[in-house]
Amino acid sequence: MLLHSCCAPCSSAILEWMLSNGVRPTIFYCNPNIFPEEEYKIRKQEITKYAEKLGLKIIDDDYNHEAWLDFVKGYEKEPERGKRCLMCFKYRLLRSARKCKELGLEEFTTTLASSRWKSLDQITEAGIWAAEQVGGGVHFDARNWRKGGLQERRNQLLKENGFYNQRYCGCEFSVPSAQD
């Protein structure tokens, strides 16, 4: 399985659950939405360090913020959980679906579905759409990663590992929302 990862805190409990349930995922760090690039690098360093600790393979996608901006163009003023977020999810999950197919894997999922700040409906829509775009037997696992105590475990692992925990989603358009 390919696991699209947004950051170490959101990935931690999911990875723990996967490993304890016989799933050894390949982690795909695809987050060209993150701004500035320094923030991207900090989050990438955290998930890379954690993947190494767990002995898991991590693949870093290209940081192409300009391509992401082009994809969400026209939605910049949308509120959090608005159409911009749906477009952002589509962009990142399409890249994830393509990577999944390229690696010969059949299934992918995302840590985005662990965040209480994100719309599960949008994530599911984007993941299913992305899988349909690549075809060829690639399936999106639309799991709700908030259930089964995973949200609480995430918070424990965040403290235990001393993860850097960002205060905003990632894009420059989400920064004002983080300050509310």
N, C-alpha and C. Protein backbone atom coordinates (compact mmCIF):
# COMPACT_ATOMS: atom_id res chain seq x y z
N MET A 1 0.84 -1.18 0.00
CA MET A 1 0.00 0.00 0.00
C MET A 1 0.88 1.24 0.00
N LEU A 2 0.43 2.27 -0.68
CA LEU A 2 1.09 3.56 -0.67
C LEU A 2 0.34 4.46 0.30
N LEU A 3 1.07 5.09 1.19
CA LEU A 3 0.48 6.02 2.14
C LEU A 3 0.93 7.42 1.81
N HIS A 4 0.00 8.24 1.32
CA HIS A 4 0.32 9.66 1.13
C HIS A 4 0.41 10.27 2.52
N SER A 5 1.52 10.93 2.80
CA SER A 5 1.76 11.51 4.12
C SER A 5 1.87 13.02 4.03
N CYS A 6 1.13 13.70 4.90
CA CYS A 6 1.22 15.16 4.96
C CYS A 6 2.27 15.60 5.98
N CYS A 7 2.46 14.81 7.04
CA CYS A 7 3.44 15.18 8.08
C CYS A 7 3.60 14.00 9.04
N ALA A 8 4.62 14.08 9.88
CA ALA A 8 4.89 13.01 10.84
C ALA A 8 3.79 12.87 11.89
N PRO A 9 3.30 13.97 12.49
CA PRO A 9 2.25 13.79 13.50
C PRO A 9 1.02 13.05 12.96
N CYS A 10 0.56 13.44 11.78
CA CYS A 10 -0.64 12.79 11.21
C CYS A 10 -0.36 11.36 10.75
N SER A 11 0.89 11.07 10.44
CA SER A 11 1.25 9.73 9.95
C SER A 11 1.49 8.73 11.07
N SER A 12 1.91 9.19 12.21
CA SER A 12 2.44 8.31 13.26
C SER A 12 1.48 7.20 13.69
N ALA A 13 0.28 7.53 14.10
CA ALA A 13 -0.66 6.51 14.57
C ALA A 13 -1.12 5.60 13.44
N ILE A 14 -1.23 6.17 12.24
CA ILE A 14 -1.63 5.37 11.08
C ILE A 14 -0.54 4.35 10.77
N LEU A 15 0.70 4.78 10.76
CA LEU A 15 1.81 3.86 10.50
C LEU A 15 1.88 2.77 11.57
N GLU A 16 1.71 3.16 12.82
CA GLU A 16 1.71 2.18 13.90
C GLU A 16 0.60 1.16 13.69
N TRP A 17 -0.60 1.62 13.34
CA TRP A 17 -1.73 0.72 13.10
C TRP A 17 -1.44 -0.21 11.93
N MET A 18 -0.92 0.37 10.84
CA MET A 18 -0.63 -0.45 9.66
C MET A 18 0.37 -1.56 9.99
N LEU A 19 1.45 -1.19 10.63
CA LEU A 19 2.49 -2.17 10.94
C LEU A 19 1.97 -3.25 11.89
N SER A 20 1.13 -2.87 12.83
CA SER A 20 0.60 -3.88 13.76
C SER A 20 -0.49 -4.74 13.11
N ASN A 21 -0.96 -4.34 11.93
CA ASN A 21 -1.97 -5.10 11.21
C ASN A 21 -1.42 -5.72 9.92
N GLY A 22 -0.12 -5.89 9.87
CA GLY A 22 0.50 -6.61 8.75
C GLY A 22 0.62 -5.82 7.46
N VAL A 23 0.45 -4.51 7.51
CA VAL A 23 0.58 -3.69 6.31
C VAL A 23 1.91 -2.93 6.41
N ARG A 24 2.76 -3.11 5.41
CA ARG A 24 4.05 -2.42 5.37
C ARG A 24 4.00 -1.40 4.23
N PRO A 25 3.59 -0.18 4.54
CA PRO A 25 3.38 0.80 3.47
C PRO A 25 4.67 1.44 2.96
N THR A 26 4.58 1.93 1.75
CA THR A 26 5.58 2.85 1.22
C THR A 26 5.00 4.24 1.46
N ILE A 27 5.77 5.11 2.05
CA ILE A 27 5.31 6.46 2.37
C ILE A 27 5.63 7.38 1.20
N PHE A 28 4.65 8.17 0.81
CA PHE A 28 4.82 9.12 -0.30
C PHE A 28 4.58 10.52 0.25
N TYR A 29 5.64 11.30 0.31
CA TYR A 29 5.55 12.66 0.81
C TYR A 29 5.33 13.58 -0.38
N CYS A 30 4.09 13.98 -0.60
CA CYS A 30 3.71 14.80 -1.74
C CYS A 30 2.90 15.99 -1.22
N ASN A 31 3.57 17.11 -1.06
CA ASN A 31 2.92 18.27 -0.45
C ASN A 31 3.42 19.59 -1.04
N PRO A 32 3.22 19.78 -2.35
CA PRO A 32 3.68 21.03 -2.98
C PRO A 32 2.84 22.23 -2.56
N ASN A 33 1.80 21.99 -1.80
CA ASN A 33 0.96 23.06 -1.27
C ASN A 33 1.64 23.82 -0.14
N ILE A 34 2.60 23.19 0.51
CA ILE A 34 3.20 23.78 1.71
C ILE A 34 4.05 25.00 1.34
N PHE A 35 3.83 26.05 2.10
CA PHE A 35 4.52 27.31 1.88
C PHE A 35 4.87 27.93 3.22
N PRO A 36 6.07 28.47 3.35
CA PRO A 36 7.15 28.54 2.38
C PRO A 36 7.89 27.21 2.26
N GLU A 37 8.84 27.16 1.35
CA GLU A 37 9.57 25.92 1.11
C GLU A 37 10.29 25.45 2.37
N GLU A 38 10.72 26.35 3.21
CA GLU A 38 11.38 25.98 4.46
C GLU A 38 10.45 25.14 5.34
N GLU A 39 9.17 25.50 5.37
CA GLU A 39 8.17 24.73 6.12
C GLU A 39 8.06 23.33 5.53
N TYR A 40 8.05 23.24 4.21
CA TYR A 40 8.02 21.95 3.51
C TYR A 40 9.19 21.08 3.96
N LYS A 41 10.36 21.67 3.99
CA LYS A 41 11.57 20.93 4.35
C LYS A 41 11.53 20.45 5.81
N ILE A 42 11.02 21.27 6.70
CA ILE A 42 10.92 20.88 8.11
C ILE A 42 10.00 19.67 8.25
N ARG A 43 8.83 19.73 7.61
CA ARG A 43 7.88 18.62 7.69
C ARG A 43 8.45 17.36 7.03
N LYS A 44 9.13 17.54 5.90
CA LYS A 44 9.74 16.40 5.20
C LYS A 44 10.80 15.75 6.08
N GLN A 45 11.61 16.55 6.74
CA GLN A 45 12.66 16.02 7.62
C GLN A 45 12.05 15.20 8.76
N GLU A 46 10.96 15.67 9.34
CA GLU A 46 10.31 14.96 10.45
C GLU A 46 9.77 13.59 10.00
N ILE A 47 9.06 13.55 8.87
CA ILE A 47 8.49 12.26 8.43
C ILE A 47 9.59 11.33 7.93
N THR A 48 10.64 11.89 7.34
CA THR A 48 11.75 11.06 6.88
C THR A 48 12.45 10.40 8.07
N LYS A 49 12.70 11.17 9.09
CA LYS A 49 13.34 10.65 10.31
C LYS A 49 12.47 9.55 10.94
N TYR A 50 11.17 9.78 10.97
CA TYR A 50 10.26 8.80 11.57
C TYR A 50 10.19 7.52 10.72
N ALA A 51 10.15 7.68 9.40
CA ALA A 51 10.13 6.52 8.50
C ALA A 51 11.39 5.67 8.70
N GLU A 52 12.53 6.33 8.81
CA GLU A 52 13.78 5.62 9.03
C GLU A 52 13.75 4.87 10.36
N LYS A 53 13.20 5.50 11.39
CA LYS A 53 13.08 4.86 12.70
C LYS A 53 12.25 3.58 12.61
N LEU A 54 11.22 3.60 11.76
CA LEU A 54 10.34 2.44 11.59
C LEU A 54 10.84 1.46 10.53
N GLY A 55 11.90 1.84 9.82
CA GLY A 55 12.43 0.97 8.76
C GLY A 55 11.57 0.95 7.52
N LEU A 56 10.89 2.05 7.25
CA LEU A 56 9.99 2.13 6.09
C LEU A 56 10.59 2.98 4.98
N LYS A 57 10.24 2.62 3.77
CA LYS A 57 10.68 3.38 2.60
C LYS A 57 9.83 4.63 2.48
N ILE A 58 10.50 5.75 2.19
CA ILE A 58 9.79 7.01 1.95
C ILE A 58 10.25 7.57 0.61
N ILE A 59 9.29 8.04 -0.15
CA ILE A 59 9.57 8.66 -1.45
C ILE A 59 9.14 10.12 -1.34
N ASP A 60 10.04 11.00 -1.71
CA ASP A 60 9.75 12.43 -1.71
C ASP A 60 9.38 12.84 -3.12
N ASP A 61 8.20 13.40 -3.27
CA ASP A 61 7.78 13.92 -4.56
C ASP A 61 8.47 15.26 -4.79
N ASP A 62 8.44 15.72 -6.00
CA ASP A 62 9.03 17.02 -6.30
C ASP A 62 8.25 18.13 -5.62
N TYR A 63 8.96 19.10 -5.09
CA TYR A 63 8.31 20.28 -4.53
C TYR A 63 8.14 21.28 -5.67
N ASN A 64 6.94 21.32 -6.23
CA ASN A 64 6.64 22.23 -7.32
C ASN A 64 5.44 23.08 -6.91
N HIS A 65 5.72 24.08 -6.11
CA HIS A 65 4.66 24.94 -5.59
C HIS A 65 3.95 25.70 -6.71
N GLU A 66 4.69 26.07 -7.74
CA GLU A 66 4.09 26.82 -8.86
C GLU A 66 3.04 25.97 -9.58
N ALA A 67 3.32 24.69 -9.80
CA ALA A 67 2.34 23.81 -10.45
C ALA A 67 1.10 23.66 -9.58
N TRP A 68 1.31 23.55 -8.27
CA TRP A 68 0.17 23.46 -7.35
C TRP A 68 -0.65 24.74 -7.40
N LEU A 69 0.02 25.90 -7.38
CA LEU A 69 -0.69 27.19 -7.47
C LEU A 69 -1.53 27.27 -8.74
N ASP A 70 -0.98 26.78 -9.85
CA ASP A 70 -1.73 26.77 -11.11
C ASP A 70 -2.99 25.91 -11.00
N PHE A 71 -2.88 24.78 -10.30
CA PHE A 71 -4.00 23.85 -10.16
C PHE A 71 -5.13 24.43 -9.32
N VAL A 72 -4.79 25.22 -8.30
CA VAL A 72 -5.81 25.79 -7.41
C VAL A 72 -6.19 27.22 -7.81
N LYS A 73 -5.65 27.69 -8.93
CA LYS A 73 -5.91 29.06 -9.39
C LYS A 73 -7.42 29.32 -9.48
N GLY A 74 -7.82 30.45 -8.95
CA GLY A 74 -9.23 30.83 -8.94
C GLY A 74 -9.93 30.49 -7.63
N TYR A 75 -9.25 29.69 -6.79
CA TYR A 75 -9.84 29.26 -5.52
C TYR A 75 -9.08 29.83 -4.31
N GLU A 76 -8.20 30.76 -4.55
CA GLU A 76 -7.34 31.28 -3.49
C GLU A 76 -8.11 31.86 -2.31
N LYS A 77 -9.24 32.47 -2.56
CA LYS A 77 -10.00 33.14 -1.49
C LYS A 77 -11.05 32.23 -0.82
N GLU A 78 -11.06 30.98 -1.23
CA GLU A 78 -11.99 30.03 -0.62
C GLU A 78 -11.61 29.80 0.85
N PRO A 79 -12.60 29.58 1.69
CA PRO A 79 -12.30 29.30 3.10
C PRO A 79 -11.73 27.89 3.27
N GLU A 80 -11.16 27.63 4.43
CA GLU A 80 -10.74 26.26 4.74
C GLU A 80 -11.96 25.35 4.62
N ARG A 81 -11.75 24.17 4.08
CA ARG A 81 -12.78 23.18 3.76
C ARG A 81 -13.61 23.59 2.55
N GLY A 82 -13.19 24.62 1.86
CA GLY A 82 -13.88 25.07 0.65
C GLY A 82 -13.34 24.36 -0.58
N LYS A 83 -13.65 24.92 -1.75
CA LYS A 83 -13.27 24.29 -3.01
C LYS A 83 -11.75 24.24 -3.22
N ARG A 84 -11.02 25.21 -2.65
CA ARG A 84 -9.57 25.18 -2.79
C ARG A 84 -9.01 23.91 -2.16
N CYS A 85 -9.53 23.54 -0.99
CA CYS A 85 -9.05 22.33 -0.32
C CYS A 85 -9.35 21.09 -1.16
N LEU A 86 -10.53 21.03 -1.74
CA LEU A 86 -10.86 19.89 -2.61
C LEU A 86 -9.87 19.81 -3.77
N MET A 87 -9.59 20.94 -4.39
CA MET A 87 -8.64 20.95 -5.51
C MET A 87 -7.24 20.54 -5.04
N CYS A 88 -6.85 21.00 -3.88
CA CYS A 88 -5.55 20.64 -3.31
C CYS A 88 -5.47 19.13 -3.09
N PHE A 89 -6.52 18.56 -2.52
CA PHE A 89 -6.55 17.11 -2.29
C PHE A 89 -6.48 16.37 -3.62
N LYS A 90 -7.23 16.84 -4.61
CA LYS A 90 -7.20 16.19 -5.92
C LYS A 90 -5.79 16.20 -6.51
N TYR A 91 -5.12 17.33 -6.41
CA TYR A 91 -3.77 17.44 -6.95
C TYR A 91 -2.83 16.43 -6.29
N ARG A 92 -2.80 16.44 -4.98
CA ARG A 92 -1.87 15.56 -4.26
C ARG A 92 -2.24 14.09 -4.37
N LEU A 93 -3.54 13.78 -4.36
CA LEU A 93 -3.93 12.38 -4.44
C LEU A 93 -3.82 11.84 -5.87
N LEU A 94 -3.93 12.70 -6.87
CA LEU A 94 -3.66 12.26 -8.23
C LEU A 94 -2.19 11.89 -8.38
N ARG A 95 -1.32 12.69 -7.83
CA ARG A 95 0.12 12.37 -7.87
C ARG A 95 0.38 11.07 -7.09
N SER A 96 -0.34 10.89 -6.01
CA SER A 96 -0.20 9.66 -5.22
C SER A 96 -0.70 8.45 -5.99
N ALA A 97 -1.83 8.58 -6.65
CA ALA A 97 -2.37 7.47 -7.45
C ALA A 97 -1.40 7.10 -8.57
N ARG A 98 -0.84 8.10 -9.21
CA ARG A 98 0.14 7.84 -10.28
C ARG A 98 1.36 7.12 -9.73
N LYS A 99 1.84 7.55 -8.56
CA LYS A 99 3.01 6.90 -7.95
C LYS A 99 2.66 5.47 -7.57
N CYS A 100 1.47 5.27 -7.06
CA CYS A 100 1.00 3.93 -6.70
C CYS A 100 1.06 3.00 -7.92
N LYS A 101 0.53 3.48 -9.03
CA LYS A 101 0.53 2.69 -10.26
C LYS A 101 1.95 2.44 -10.75
N GLU A 102 2.77 3.49 -10.72
CA GLU A 102 4.16 3.38 -11.15
C GLU A 102 4.91 2.32 -10.35
N LEU A 103 4.62 2.22 -9.07
CA LEU A 103 5.30 1.25 -8.20
C LEU A 103 4.68 -0.15 -8.28
N GLY A 104 3.58 -0.28 -9.03
CA GLY A 104 2.93 -1.58 -9.15
C GLY A 104 2.09 -1.95 -7.94
N LEU A 105 1.71 -0.94 -7.17
CA LEU A 105 0.85 -1.18 -6.01
C LEU A 105 -0.61 -1.03 -6.42
N GLU A 106 -1.48 -1.65 -5.67
CA GLU A 106 -2.90 -1.62 -6.03
C GLU A 106 -3.71 -0.63 -5.22
N GLU A 107 -3.17 -0.18 -4.09
CA GLU A 107 -4.00 0.61 -3.18
C GLU A 107 -3.20 1.75 -2.57
N PHE A 108 -3.90 2.88 -2.37
CA PHE A 108 -3.28 4.00 -1.67
C PHE A 108 -4.32 4.62 -0.74
N THR A 109 -3.80 5.30 0.26
CA THR A 109 -4.63 6.01 1.23
C THR A 109 -3.87 7.26 1.63
N THR A 110 -4.46 8.07 2.49
CA THR A 110 -3.82 9.33 2.87
C THR A 110 -4.00 9.66 4.34
N THR A 111 -2.98 10.27 4.88
CA THR A 111 -3.04 10.73 6.27
C THR A 111 -3.94 11.96 6.40
N LEU A 112 -4.31 12.57 5.29
CA LEU A 112 -5.22 13.71 5.34
C LEU A 112 -6.51 13.33 6.06
N ALA A 113 -6.89 12.06 5.95
CA ALA A 113 -8.13 11.58 6.57
C ALA A 113 -7.99 11.40 8.08
N SER A 114 -6.87 11.82 8.63
CA SER A 114 -6.71 11.74 10.09
C SER A 114 -6.96 13.10 10.75
N SER A 115 -7.02 14.13 9.96
CA SER A 115 -7.13 15.48 10.51
C SER A 115 -8.59 15.88 10.72
N ARG A 116 -8.89 16.29 11.92
CA ARG A 116 -10.25 16.75 12.21
C ARG A 116 -10.53 18.09 11.52
N TRP A 117 -9.51 18.73 11.00
CA TRP A 117 -9.66 20.02 10.33
C TRP A 117 -10.02 19.87 8.86
N LYS A 118 -9.97 18.65 8.36
CA LYS A 118 -10.24 18.38 6.94
C LYS A 118 -11.58 17.69 6.76
N SER A 119 -12.18 17.91 5.60
CA SER A 119 -13.46 17.28 5.26
C SER A 119 -13.21 15.87 4.72
N LEU A 120 -13.71 14.87 5.43
CA LEU A 120 -13.58 13.49 4.95
C LEU A 120 -14.28 13.29 3.61
N ASP A 121 -15.40 13.97 3.42
CA ASP A 121 -16.11 13.85 2.15
C ASP A 121 -15.24 14.35 0.99
N GLN A 122 -14.56 15.47 1.19
CA GLN A 122 -13.68 16.00 0.15
C GLN A 122 -12.51 15.06 -0.11
N ILE A 123 -11.94 14.53 0.94
CA ILE A 123 -10.80 13.62 0.79
C ILE A 123 -11.22 12.37 0.04
N THR A 124 -12.36 11.82 0.41
CA THR A 124 -12.88 10.63 -0.27
C THR A 124 -13.15 10.93 -1.74
N GLU A 125 -13.82 12.04 -2.00
CA GLU A 125 -14.10 12.43 -3.38
C GLU A 125 -12.81 12.56 -4.19
N ALA A 126 -11.83 13.24 -3.63
CA ALA A 126 -10.56 13.44 -4.33
C ALA A 126 -9.82 12.12 -4.55
N GLY A 127 -9.82 11.25 -3.55
CA GLY A 127 -9.12 9.97 -3.68
C GLY A 127 -9.75 9.05 -4.72
N ILE A 128 -11.07 8.98 -4.71
CA ILE A 128 -11.77 8.15 -5.70
C ILE A 128 -11.55 8.72 -7.10
N TRP A 129 -11.65 10.04 -7.23
CA TRP A 129 -11.41 10.71 -8.51
C TRP A 129 -10.00 10.41 -9.02
N ALA A 130 -9.01 10.51 -8.13
CA ALA A 130 -7.62 10.26 -8.52
C ALA A 130 -7.43 8.82 -9.00
N ALA A 131 -8.01 7.88 -8.29
CA ALA A 131 -7.89 6.47 -8.70
C ALA A 131 -8.53 6.25 -10.07
N GLU A 132 -9.66 6.89 -10.31
CA GLU A 132 -10.33 6.77 -11.60
C GLU A 132 -9.48 7.36 -12.73
N GLN A 133 -8.76 8.43 -12.43
CA GLN A 133 -7.93 9.07 -13.45
C GLN A 133 -6.81 8.16 -13.93
N VAL A 134 -6.21 7.39 -13.03
CA VAL A 134 -5.10 6.53 -13.43
C VAL A 134 -5.56 5.15 -13.86
N GLY A 135 -6.72 4.70 -13.39
CA GLY A 135 -7.25 3.40 -13.78
C GLY A 135 -6.28 2.27 -13.48
N GLY A 136 -6.42 1.19 -14.22
CA GLY A 136 -5.48 0.09 -14.13
C GLY A 136 -5.43 -0.62 -12.79
N GLY A 137 -6.56 -0.69 -12.10
CA GLY A 137 -6.60 -1.46 -10.87
C GLY A 137 -6.12 -0.74 -9.63
N VAL A 138 -5.88 0.56 -9.72
CA VAL A 138 -5.48 1.34 -8.55
C VAL A 138 -6.74 1.74 -7.79
N HIS A 139 -6.73 1.47 -6.49
CA HIS A 139 -7.90 1.70 -5.64
C HIS A 139 -7.53 2.64 -4.50
N PHE A 140 -8.46 3.54 -4.15
CA PHE A 140 -8.27 4.44 -3.02
C PHE A 140 -8.97 3.86 -1.80
N ASP A 141 -8.22 3.67 -0.72
CA ASP A 141 -8.77 3.21 0.55
C ASP A 141 -9.27 4.45 1.29
N ALA A 142 -10.58 4.65 1.28
CA ALA A 142 -11.21 5.84 1.86
C ALA A 142 -11.50 5.63 3.34
N ARG A 143 -10.50 5.26 4.05
CA ARG A 143 -10.63 4.97 5.47
C ARG A 143 -10.68 6.25 6.29
N ASN A 144 -11.47 6.23 7.33
CA ASN A 144 -11.51 7.34 8.30
C ASN A 144 -10.45 7.02 9.35
N TRP A 145 -9.31 7.70 9.26
CA TRP A 145 -8.19 7.42 10.16
C TRP A 145 -8.32 8.13 11.50
N ARG A 146 -9.49 8.69 11.78
CA ARG A 146 -9.73 9.36 13.07
C ARG A 146 -10.32 8.39 14.10
N LYS A 147 -10.87 7.29 13.61
CA LYS A 147 -11.60 6.36 14.48
C LYS A 147 -10.67 5.37 15.17
N GLY A 148 -11.26 4.61 16.08
CA GLY A 148 -10.55 3.51 16.73
C GLY A 148 -9.43 3.97 17.66
N GLY A 149 -9.55 5.18 18.18
CA GLY A 149 -8.54 5.69 19.10
C GLY A 149 -7.30 6.25 18.43
N LEU A 150 -7.32 6.31 17.09
CA LEU A 150 -6.12 6.78 16.38
C LEU A 150 -5.84 8.26 16.62
N GLN A 151 -6.87 9.07 16.79
CA GLN A 151 -6.66 10.50 17.06
C GLN A 151 -5.95 10.68 18.40
N GLU A 152 -6.40 9.95 19.41
CA GLU A 152 -5.77 10.03 20.72
C GLU A 152 -4.34 9.50 20.67
N ARG A 153 -4.14 8.40 19.94
CA ARG A 153 -2.80 7.82 19.83
C ARG A 153 -1.86 8.77 19.09
N ARG A 154 -2.38 9.46 18.08
CA ARG A 154 -1.60 10.46 17.36
C ARG A 154 -1.05 11.49 18.34
N ASN A 155 -1.91 11.99 19.20
CA ASN A 155 -1.51 13.01 20.16
C ASN A 155 -0.44 12.48 21.13
N GLN A 156 -0.58 11.21 21.53
CA GLN A 156 0.43 10.59 22.40
C GLN A 156 1.77 10.47 21.68
N LEU A 157 1.72 9.99 20.43
CA LEU A 157 2.96 9.81 19.67
C LEU A 157 3.63 11.14 19.36
N LEU A 158 2.83 12.17 19.16
CA LEU A 158 3.38 13.50 18.94
C LEU A 158 4.25 13.92 20.12
N LYS A 159 3.73 13.71 21.32
CA LYS A 159 4.49 14.06 22.53
C LYS A 159 5.68 13.13 22.74
N GLU A 160 5.46 11.81 22.59
CA GLU A 160 6.53 10.84 22.80
C GLU A 160 7.72 11.06 21.88
N ASN A 161 7.43 11.46 20.64
CA ASN A 161 8.49 11.62 19.64
C ASN A 161 8.97 13.07 19.52
N GLY A 162 8.32 13.98 20.19
CA GLY A 162 8.71 15.38 20.11
C GLY A 162 8.61 15.95 18.71
N PHE A 163 7.59 15.50 17.97
CA PHE A 163 7.43 15.96 16.60
C PHE A 163 7.18 17.46 16.53
N TYR A 164 7.70 18.05 15.49
CA TYR A 164 7.34 19.41 15.13
C TYR A 164 5.87 19.37 14.73
N ASN A 165 5.06 20.23 15.30
CA ASN A 165 3.63 20.23 15.01
C ASN A 165 3.23 21.62 14.52
N GLN A 166 3.00 21.71 13.23
CA GLN A 166 2.69 22.97 12.60
C GLN A 166 1.35 23.54 13.07
N ARG A 167 1.17 24.83 12.90
CA ARG A 167 -0.04 25.50 13.37
C ARG A 167 -0.99 25.87 12.24
N TYR A 168 -0.69 25.43 11.02
CA TYR A 168 -1.57 25.70 9.88
C TYR A 168 -1.45 24.56 8.88
N CYS A 169 -2.43 24.48 8.01
CA CYS A 169 -2.52 23.37 7.06
C CYS A 169 -1.26 23.25 6.22
N GLY A 170 -0.84 24.36 5.65
CA GLY A 170 0.37 24.29 4.83
C GLY A 170 0.47 25.37 3.78
N CYS A 171 -0.62 25.65 3.10
CA CYS A 171 -0.54 26.64 2.03
C CYS A 171 -0.63 28.06 2.58
N GLU A 172 -0.17 28.99 1.78
CA GLU A 172 -0.19 30.38 2.22
C GLU A 172 -1.60 30.90 2.44
N PHE A 173 -2.58 30.26 1.82
CA PHE A 173 -3.97 30.70 1.98
C PHE A 173 -4.58 30.23 3.29
N SER A 174 -3.96 29.24 3.92
CA SER A 174 -4.48 28.73 5.19
C SER A 174 -3.88 29.43 6.40
N VAL A 175 -2.84 30.21 6.19
CA VAL A 175 -2.17 30.87 7.32
C VAL A 175 -3.12 31.77 8.12
N PRO A 176 -3.94 32.63 7.51
CA PRO A 176 -4.85 33.46 8.31
C PRO A 176 -5.82 32.63 9.15
N SER A 177 -6.25 31.48 8.64
CA SER A 177 -7.17 30.61 9.38
C SER A 177 -6.51 30.07 10.64
N ALA A 178 -5.22 29.86 10.58
CA ALA A 178 -4.50 29.31 11.72
C ALA A 178 -4.37 30.33 12.83
N GLN A 179 -4.54 31.58 12.49
CA GLN A 179 -4.38 32.63 13.47
C GLN A 179 -5.71 33.03 14.13
N ASP A 180 -6.80 32.43 13.68
CA ASP A 180 -8.13 32.75 14.26
C ASP A 180 -8.25 32.26 15.68
